[in-house]
Structures are given as C-alpha cells and as structure tokens.
N, C-alpha and C. Protein backbone atom coordinates (compact mmCIF):
# COMPACT_ATOMS: atom_id res chain seq x y z
N MET A 1 4.93 26.62 -61.61
CA MET A 1 6.19 27.33 -61.75
C MET A 1 6.74 27.71 -60.38
N ASP A 2 5.87 28.13 -59.47
CA ASP A 2 6.32 28.51 -58.14
C ASP A 2 6.87 27.30 -57.39
N LYS A 3 6.28 26.15 -57.60
CA LYS A 3 6.74 24.94 -56.92
C LYS A 3 8.15 24.58 -57.36
N ILE A 4 8.46 24.76 -58.63
CA ILE A 4 9.80 24.47 -59.15
C ILE A 4 10.81 25.43 -58.52
N GLN A 5 10.46 26.69 -58.41
CA GLN A 5 11.37 27.67 -57.80
C GLN A 5 11.59 27.35 -56.32
N LYS A 6 10.52 26.94 -55.61
CA LYS A 6 10.66 26.59 -54.21
C LYS A 6 11.56 25.37 -54.04
N ASP A 7 11.38 24.37 -54.94
CA ASP A 7 12.21 23.17 -54.87
C ASP A 7 13.68 23.50 -55.11
N SER A 8 13.94 24.38 -56.08
CA SER A 8 15.33 24.74 -56.36
C SER A 8 15.94 25.52 -55.20
N LYS A 9 15.12 26.35 -54.54
CA LYS A 9 15.63 27.09 -53.38
C LYS A 9 15.93 26.15 -52.22
N THR A 10 15.06 25.17 -52.00
CA THR A 10 15.32 24.23 -50.91
C THR A 10 16.54 23.39 -51.22
N ASP A 11 16.75 23.04 -52.49
CA ASP A 11 17.95 22.30 -52.86
C ASP A 11 19.20 23.14 -52.61
N ASP A 12 19.11 24.43 -52.93
CA ASP A 12 20.24 25.33 -52.69
C ASP A 12 20.55 25.45 -51.20
N THR A 13 19.51 25.59 -50.39
CA THR A 13 19.74 25.72 -48.95
C THR A 13 20.29 24.42 -48.37
N LYS A 14 19.81 23.29 -48.87
CA LYS A 14 20.34 22.00 -48.41
C LYS A 14 21.82 21.88 -48.77
N ARG A 15 22.14 22.29 -49.98
CA ARG A 15 23.53 22.21 -50.44
C ARG A 15 24.42 23.13 -49.60
N GLU A 16 23.92 24.34 -49.30
CA GLU A 16 24.69 25.27 -48.47
C GLU A 16 24.89 24.72 -47.06
N ASP A 17 23.83 24.10 -46.50
CA ASP A 17 23.96 23.50 -45.17
C ASP A 17 24.98 22.37 -45.17
N GLU A 18 24.95 21.55 -46.22
CA GLU A 18 25.92 20.45 -46.33
C GLU A 18 27.34 21.00 -46.47
N ASP A 19 27.50 22.08 -47.24
CA ASP A 19 28.82 22.69 -47.39
C ASP A 19 29.32 23.24 -46.05
N LYS A 20 28.43 23.88 -45.29
CA LYS A 20 28.83 24.41 -43.98
C LYS A 20 29.23 23.28 -43.04
N LYS A 21 28.44 22.21 -43.03
CA LYS A 21 28.76 21.07 -42.17
C LYS A 21 30.10 20.45 -42.57
N PHE A 22 30.33 20.34 -43.87
CA PHE A 22 31.59 19.77 -44.35
C PHE A 22 32.77 20.65 -43.93
N LYS A 23 32.61 21.97 -44.06
CA LYS A 23 33.69 22.88 -43.67
C LYS A 23 33.97 22.80 -42.18
N ILE A 24 32.93 22.69 -41.38
CA ILE A 24 33.12 22.57 -39.93
C ILE A 24 33.84 21.27 -39.60
N LYS A 25 33.41 20.18 -40.23
CA LYS A 25 34.07 18.89 -40.00
C LYS A 25 35.53 18.93 -40.46
N ALA A 26 35.79 19.57 -41.58
CA ALA A 26 37.16 19.67 -42.08
C ALA A 26 38.01 20.51 -41.13
N GLY A 27 37.46 21.59 -40.62
CA GLY A 27 38.19 22.43 -39.66
C GLY A 27 38.51 21.69 -38.38
N ILE A 28 37.53 20.94 -37.88
CA ILE A 28 37.76 20.15 -36.66
C ILE A 28 38.82 19.09 -36.91
N PHE A 29 38.77 18.45 -38.06
CA PHE A 29 39.77 17.43 -38.40
C PHE A 29 41.17 18.04 -38.46
N LEU A 30 41.31 19.16 -39.16
CA LEU A 30 42.63 19.79 -39.27
C LEU A 30 43.14 20.26 -37.92
N ALA A 31 42.26 20.82 -37.10
CA ALA A 31 42.68 21.27 -35.77
C ALA A 31 43.11 20.10 -34.91
N SER A 32 42.38 18.99 -34.99
CA SER A 32 42.75 17.83 -34.17
C SER A 32 44.06 17.21 -34.65
N VAL A 33 44.27 17.14 -35.96
CA VAL A 33 45.54 16.61 -36.47
C VAL A 33 46.70 17.51 -36.05
N THR A 34 46.50 18.81 -36.12
CA THR A 34 47.54 19.76 -35.70
C THR A 34 47.84 19.61 -34.22
N GLY A 35 46.82 19.53 -33.40
CA GLY A 35 47.01 19.38 -31.96
C GLY A 35 47.72 18.09 -31.60
N ILE A 36 47.29 17.00 -32.21
CA ILE A 36 47.93 15.71 -31.95
C ILE A 36 49.38 15.74 -32.39
N SER A 37 49.65 16.33 -33.54
CA SER A 37 51.03 16.42 -34.03
C SER A 37 51.90 17.24 -33.08
N ALA A 38 51.36 18.34 -32.58
CA ALA A 38 52.12 19.18 -31.64
C ALA A 38 52.40 18.43 -30.35
N LEU A 39 51.41 17.71 -29.84
CA LEU A 39 51.62 16.94 -28.61
C LEU A 39 52.65 15.84 -28.81
N ILE A 40 52.58 15.15 -29.93
CA ILE A 40 53.55 14.10 -30.21
C ILE A 40 54.95 14.68 -30.34
N GLY A 41 55.08 15.79 -31.04
CA GLY A 41 56.38 16.43 -31.20
C GLY A 41 56.94 16.91 -29.87
N PHE A 42 56.11 17.54 -29.06
CA PHE A 42 56.55 18.03 -27.75
C PHE A 42 56.93 16.86 -26.84
N GLY A 43 56.10 15.82 -26.84
CA GLY A 43 56.38 14.65 -26.00
C GLY A 43 57.65 13.93 -26.42
N THR A 44 57.87 13.83 -27.72
CA THR A 44 59.09 13.19 -28.22
C THR A 44 60.32 13.99 -27.82
N THR A 45 60.24 15.29 -27.90
CA THR A 45 61.36 16.15 -27.51
C THR A 45 61.66 16.02 -26.02
N VAL A 46 60.63 16.03 -25.19
CA VAL A 46 60.84 15.88 -23.75
C VAL A 46 61.43 14.51 -23.43
N ALA A 47 60.92 13.47 -24.08
CA ALA A 47 61.45 12.12 -23.84
C ALA A 47 62.92 12.02 -24.26
N ALA A 48 63.28 12.64 -25.37
CA ALA A 48 64.67 12.61 -25.82
C ALA A 48 65.57 13.35 -24.85
N ALA A 49 65.10 14.48 -24.32
CA ALA A 49 65.90 15.24 -23.35
C ALA A 49 66.07 14.45 -22.06
N LYS A 50 65.02 13.78 -21.63
CA LYS A 50 65.11 12.98 -20.40
C LYS A 50 66.02 11.78 -20.59
N LYS A 51 65.98 11.18 -21.75
CA LYS A 51 66.82 10.01 -22.03
C LYS A 51 68.29 10.42 -22.12
N LYS A 52 68.55 11.59 -22.65
CA LYS A 52 69.94 12.04 -22.84
C LYS A 52 70.63 12.28 -21.50
N ASP A 53 69.97 12.95 -20.57
CA ASP A 53 70.58 13.25 -19.27
C ASP A 53 69.49 13.29 -18.20
N PRO A 54 69.14 12.11 -17.63
CA PRO A 54 68.03 12.07 -16.67
C PRO A 54 68.28 12.87 -15.39
N ALA A 55 69.52 12.90 -14.90
CA ALA A 55 69.80 13.61 -13.66
C ALA A 55 69.59 15.12 -13.84
N PHE A 56 70.12 15.66 -14.92
CA PHE A 56 69.97 17.08 -15.18
C PHE A 56 68.52 17.43 -15.50
N PHE A 57 67.82 16.51 -16.17
CA PHE A 57 66.41 16.72 -16.49
C PHE A 57 65.59 16.84 -15.20
N ASN A 58 65.87 15.97 -14.23
CA ASN A 58 65.14 16.02 -12.96
C ASN A 58 65.46 17.28 -12.18
N LYS A 59 66.69 17.80 -12.31
CA LYS A 59 67.03 19.07 -11.66
C LYS A 59 66.19 20.21 -12.24
N GLY A 60 65.92 20.13 -13.53
CA GLY A 60 65.14 21.19 -14.19
C GLY A 60 63.68 21.17 -13.81
N ILE A 61 63.18 20.03 -13.38
CA ILE A 61 61.77 19.94 -13.00
C ILE A 61 61.56 20.46 -11.58
N ALA A 62 62.45 20.12 -10.66
CA ALA A 62 62.35 20.59 -9.28
C ALA A 62 63.27 21.79 -9.09
N GLY A 63 62.78 22.83 -8.47
CA GLY A 63 63.58 24.03 -8.26
C GLY A 63 64.69 23.81 -7.23
N THR A 64 65.76 24.56 -7.38
CA THR A 64 66.87 24.52 -6.42
C THR A 64 67.17 25.94 -5.96
N ARG A 65 68.15 26.08 -5.07
CA ARG A 65 68.52 27.41 -4.60
C ARG A 65 69.12 28.24 -5.73
N GLU A 66 69.90 27.58 -6.58
CA GLU A 66 70.57 28.30 -7.66
C GLU A 66 69.57 28.79 -8.72
N MET A 67 68.56 27.95 -8.95
CA MET A 67 67.57 28.29 -9.98
C MET A 67 66.26 28.66 -9.29
N THR A 68 65.89 29.92 -9.37
CA THR A 68 64.64 30.34 -8.74
C THR A 68 63.42 29.86 -9.52
N GLU A 69 63.61 29.63 -10.80
CA GLU A 69 62.51 29.15 -11.65
C GLU A 69 62.94 27.83 -12.28
N THR A 70 62.06 26.85 -12.25
CA THR A 70 62.41 25.55 -12.82
C THR A 70 62.49 25.65 -14.34
N GLY A 71 63.22 24.72 -14.92
CA GLY A 71 63.35 24.69 -16.37
C GLY A 71 62.02 24.44 -17.06
N ALA A 72 61.20 23.59 -16.45
CA ALA A 72 59.90 23.28 -17.05
C ALA A 72 59.00 24.52 -17.08
N SER A 73 58.98 25.28 -15.99
CA SER A 73 58.12 26.47 -15.97
C SER A 73 58.66 27.54 -16.92
N LEU A 74 59.98 27.64 -17.00
CA LEU A 74 60.58 28.59 -17.94
C LEU A 74 60.24 28.21 -19.39
N ALA A 75 60.32 26.91 -19.68
CA ALA A 75 59.99 26.44 -21.03
C ALA A 75 58.52 26.68 -21.35
N MET A 76 57.64 26.43 -20.40
CA MET A 76 56.21 26.65 -20.64
C MET A 76 55.90 28.13 -20.83
N ARG A 77 56.58 28.98 -20.08
CA ARG A 77 56.38 30.42 -20.25
C ARG A 77 56.86 30.87 -21.63
N ALA A 78 58.02 30.35 -22.04
CA ALA A 78 58.55 30.70 -23.37
C ALA A 78 57.63 30.18 -24.47
N LEU A 79 57.10 28.97 -24.30
CA LEU A 79 56.18 28.41 -25.29
C LEU A 79 54.90 29.24 -25.37
N GLY A 80 54.41 29.68 -24.24
CA GLY A 80 53.20 30.51 -24.23
C GLY A 80 53.40 31.83 -24.93
N TRP A 81 54.50 32.53 -24.61
CA TRP A 81 54.76 33.81 -25.25
C TRP A 81 55.05 33.63 -26.74
N GLY A 82 55.76 32.57 -27.09
CA GLY A 82 56.03 32.31 -28.51
C GLY A 82 54.74 32.08 -29.28
N THR A 83 53.82 31.35 -28.67
CA THR A 83 52.53 31.10 -29.31
C THR A 83 51.75 32.40 -29.49
N VAL A 84 51.74 33.22 -28.46
CA VAL A 84 51.03 34.51 -28.54
C VAL A 84 51.62 35.37 -29.66
N TYR A 85 52.95 35.47 -29.71
CA TYR A 85 53.59 36.27 -30.75
C TYR A 85 53.32 35.71 -32.15
N ALA A 86 53.38 34.40 -32.31
CA ALA A 86 53.17 33.79 -33.62
C ALA A 86 51.73 33.99 -34.10
N VAL A 87 50.77 33.73 -33.23
CA VAL A 87 49.36 33.87 -33.62
C VAL A 87 49.03 35.34 -33.90
N THR A 88 49.51 36.24 -33.06
CA THR A 88 49.24 37.66 -33.26
C THR A 88 49.88 38.16 -34.55
N GLY A 89 51.13 37.82 -34.78
CA GLY A 89 51.81 38.27 -35.99
C GLY A 89 51.16 37.75 -37.26
N CYS A 90 50.84 36.46 -37.28
CA CYS A 90 50.20 35.89 -38.47
C CYS A 90 48.81 36.48 -38.67
N SER A 91 48.07 36.68 -37.58
CA SER A 91 46.73 37.26 -37.70
C SER A 91 46.79 38.67 -38.28
N ILE A 92 47.72 39.47 -37.82
CA ILE A 92 47.86 40.83 -38.35
C ILE A 92 48.25 40.79 -39.82
N LEU A 93 49.18 39.91 -40.18
CA LEU A 93 49.60 39.78 -41.58
C LEU A 93 48.43 39.38 -42.47
N PHE A 94 47.69 38.35 -42.08
CA PHE A 94 46.59 37.87 -42.91
C PHE A 94 45.46 38.89 -42.99
N TYR A 95 45.17 39.57 -41.88
CA TYR A 95 44.12 40.59 -41.88
C TYR A 95 44.52 41.76 -42.79
N THR A 96 45.79 42.13 -42.76
CA THR A 96 46.27 43.22 -43.62
C THR A 96 46.12 42.84 -45.08
N ILE A 97 46.52 41.63 -45.43
CA ILE A 97 46.38 41.17 -46.82
C ILE A 97 44.91 41.16 -47.22
N TRP A 98 44.05 40.66 -46.32
CA TRP A 98 42.61 40.61 -46.59
C TRP A 98 42.07 42.01 -46.88
N LYS A 99 42.45 43.00 -46.08
CA LYS A 99 41.95 44.36 -46.27
C LYS A 99 42.55 45.02 -47.51
N LEU A 100 43.82 44.75 -47.80
CA LEU A 100 44.43 45.32 -49.00
C LEU A 100 43.78 44.79 -50.27
N VAL A 101 43.39 43.52 -50.25
CA VAL A 101 42.73 42.93 -51.42
C VAL A 101 41.31 43.46 -51.55
N GLY A 102 40.66 43.76 -50.43
CA GLY A 102 39.31 44.30 -50.45
C GLY A 102 38.24 43.26 -50.65
N ALA A 103 38.47 42.06 -50.18
CA ALA A 103 37.51 40.97 -50.35
C ALA A 103 36.44 41.03 -49.27
N LYS A 104 35.25 40.56 -49.63
CA LYS A 104 34.13 40.52 -48.68
C LYS A 104 33.98 39.14 -48.05
N ASP A 105 34.31 38.10 -48.78
CA ASP A 105 34.23 36.74 -48.25
C ASP A 105 35.41 35.92 -48.79
N MET A 106 35.49 34.67 -48.34
CA MET A 106 36.64 33.84 -48.68
C MET A 106 36.69 33.51 -50.17
N LYS A 107 35.55 33.34 -50.78
CA LYS A 107 35.51 33.02 -52.21
C LYS A 107 36.07 34.18 -53.04
N GLU A 108 35.65 35.39 -52.70
CA GLU A 108 36.13 36.57 -53.40
C GLU A 108 37.63 36.77 -53.15
N PHE A 109 38.07 36.51 -51.93
CA PHE A 109 39.50 36.62 -51.60
C PHE A 109 40.32 35.65 -52.44
N ARG A 110 39.84 34.42 -52.54
CA ARG A 110 40.54 33.40 -53.34
C ARG A 110 40.64 33.82 -54.80
N MET A 111 39.57 34.37 -55.34
CA MET A 111 39.58 34.78 -56.74
C MET A 111 40.53 35.96 -56.97
N LYS A 112 40.51 36.94 -56.07
CA LYS A 112 41.38 38.11 -56.24
C LYS A 112 42.85 37.76 -56.07
N VAL A 113 43.16 36.97 -55.07
CA VAL A 113 44.55 36.57 -54.86
C VAL A 113 45.01 35.65 -55.99
N GLY A 114 44.12 34.77 -56.43
CA GLY A 114 44.46 33.87 -57.54
C GLY A 114 44.73 34.61 -58.83
N SER A 115 44.04 35.71 -59.05
CA SER A 115 44.29 36.49 -60.27
C SER A 115 45.60 37.27 -60.17
N ALA A 116 46.04 37.60 -58.96
CA ALA A 116 47.29 38.35 -58.78
C ALA A 116 48.52 37.45 -58.84
N LEU A 117 48.37 36.20 -58.45
CA LEU A 117 49.51 35.27 -58.44
C LEU A 117 49.75 34.71 -59.83
N PRO A 118 50.98 34.29 -60.12
CA PRO A 118 51.26 33.71 -61.45
C PRO A 118 50.56 32.37 -61.63
N ARG A 119 50.22 32.08 -62.87
CA ARG A 119 49.56 30.82 -63.20
C ARG A 119 50.56 29.68 -63.17
N ILE A 120 50.12 28.53 -62.69
CA ILE A 120 50.95 27.33 -62.72
C ILE A 120 50.54 26.55 -63.96
N PRO A 121 51.48 26.31 -64.88
CA PRO A 121 51.11 25.61 -66.11
C PRO A 121 50.76 24.15 -65.84
N LYS A 122 49.80 23.67 -66.59
CA LYS A 122 49.40 22.27 -66.47
C LYS A 122 50.48 21.41 -67.10
N ASN A 123 50.73 20.27 -66.53
CA ASN A 123 51.76 19.35 -66.99
C ASN A 123 51.09 18.06 -67.47
N ASP A 124 50.22 18.19 -68.48
CA ASP A 124 49.48 17.03 -68.96
C ASP A 124 49.60 16.95 -70.47
N PRO A 125 50.27 16.06 -71.05
CA PRO A 125 51.02 14.96 -70.45
C PRO A 125 52.33 15.46 -69.87
N PRO A 126 52.92 14.71 -68.94
CA PRO A 126 54.17 15.14 -68.32
C PRO A 126 55.28 15.31 -69.34
N LYS A 127 56.08 16.36 -69.17
CA LYS A 127 57.18 16.64 -70.09
C LYS A 127 58.48 15.98 -69.65
N SER A 128 58.47 15.35 -68.50
CA SER A 128 59.66 14.67 -68.00
C SER A 128 59.25 13.33 -67.40
N ARG A 129 60.23 12.60 -66.91
CA ARG A 129 59.96 11.27 -66.34
C ARG A 129 59.17 11.38 -65.05
N THR A 130 58.29 10.40 -64.86
CA THR A 130 57.53 10.35 -63.62
C THR A 130 57.68 9.02 -62.90
N GLU A 131 58.23 8.02 -63.57
CA GLU A 131 58.41 6.70 -62.97
C GLU A 131 59.90 6.41 -62.84
N PHE A 132 60.31 5.92 -61.67
CA PHE A 132 61.71 5.60 -61.42
C PHE A 132 61.79 4.22 -60.80
N SER A 133 62.88 3.50 -61.12
CA SER A 133 63.03 2.14 -60.61
C SER A 133 63.45 2.12 -59.15
N GLY A 134 64.03 3.19 -58.68
CA GLY A 134 64.46 3.25 -57.28
C GLY A 134 64.98 4.63 -56.94
N LEU A 135 65.47 4.76 -55.72
CA LEU A 135 65.98 6.04 -55.26
C LEU A 135 67.23 6.44 -56.03
N THR A 136 68.08 5.48 -56.35
CA THR A 136 69.30 5.79 -57.10
C THR A 136 68.96 6.34 -58.47
N ASP A 137 67.98 5.72 -59.13
CA ASP A 137 67.55 6.18 -60.45
C ASP A 137 67.00 7.61 -60.37
N LEU A 138 66.21 7.90 -59.34
CA LEU A 138 65.65 9.24 -59.15
C LEU A 138 66.76 10.27 -58.93
N LEU A 139 67.70 9.97 -58.03
CA LEU A 139 68.77 10.91 -57.74
C LEU A 139 69.68 11.13 -58.95
N THR A 140 69.93 10.08 -59.72
CA THR A 140 70.72 10.22 -60.94
C THR A 140 69.99 11.13 -61.93
N TYR A 141 68.69 10.93 -62.08
CA TYR A 141 67.90 11.75 -62.98
C TYR A 141 67.92 13.21 -62.55
N ILE A 142 67.76 13.46 -61.25
CA ILE A 142 67.77 14.84 -60.74
C ILE A 142 69.11 15.51 -60.98
N SER A 143 70.20 14.78 -60.74
CA SER A 143 71.53 15.38 -60.90
C SER A 143 71.85 15.65 -62.36
N THR A 144 71.43 14.79 -63.27
CA THR A 144 71.70 15.03 -64.70
C THR A 144 70.74 16.05 -65.28
N GLU A 145 69.51 16.10 -64.80
CA GLU A 145 68.52 17.05 -65.32
C GLU A 145 68.89 18.48 -64.94
N GLY A 146 69.46 18.66 -63.76
CA GLY A 146 69.84 19.99 -63.31
C GLY A 146 71.01 20.56 -64.08
N SER A 147 71.87 19.70 -64.63
CA SER A 147 73.04 20.18 -65.36
C SER A 147 72.73 20.49 -66.82
N LYS A 148 71.57 20.03 -67.31
CA LYS A 148 71.19 20.32 -68.70
C LYS A 148 70.76 21.78 -68.83
N LYS A 149 71.11 22.37 -69.96
CA LYS A 149 70.69 23.75 -70.22
C LYS A 149 69.40 23.73 -71.04
N PRO A 150 68.48 24.64 -70.74
CA PRO A 150 67.19 24.64 -71.47
C PRO A 150 67.31 25.10 -72.89
C-alpha cells in the first residue's frame, strides 16, 4: 500500500514539474513573440519615416544649433518614460484587482474572477451561419443580420 502511495506522489511531482516547465516555455515564447513584434513595428515605423523625408530624418539624428537634443534621443526618452508609466500603471491595476479578490494563487484568482464575470453561452450547434462563399457574402450577411429585430 505504501508503494502505491509513493508511486502516485512521484507521478504528481513529475506532473507538477512538467507543468512548471511548460509554463516557463510558454512565457518565454510569448515574451519573445512580443519582443520581436515590437522590434518589427518600431523598425517599420523608422523605415517609413526615413523613406518619407530622408533629409529631415537625418537632421533629427544629428544635433544642430537649433535643436539641443536630437529627435532620436528625444524619441527614445519618450519611449522609455512611456514604457515605465504603462508597466507601472498596469502593475498597480492588476495588483489591486488581485488583492480585492483575495486570491492566494493564480488558480484561485481565475476561479474567483470567473465566478464574478458573466457566463458566455455555448454555441453548439451554431445558431447562425458559419460558412460563407466569400467576403461579399459575409458582409451582406452581417448587414442584413444587424437590421433584423430579435
């Protein structure tokens, strides 16, 4: 009997270790996708600005007498402060919600918040169309469906 209990405990610990590893891998994946997306977006914006007016863009990179601070350094400073404000504000908001709910861990938080939010009804089988022949058919369906009264 003791051997069965030990085996079940080792299975539980293995499962918990696998869950932790999966969560870490998922977090790394999401962080890398977010970082790559931000870099691509920032790079695309800079390239578009340079393509639109290269002479003025180059003036913004090198300082002049009229401008004591270059445009690039001003933009980086603004981006840094914006990031600080966004992260701080969201962290305070989420921490406040966490404390108001009174959860001890993420699972408990999910259950408490899920019980407070309205239920989303299941749509099985679908009550409306799900297949469309093309974009025109979809847009026609949306425009006629919105004008119908329930």
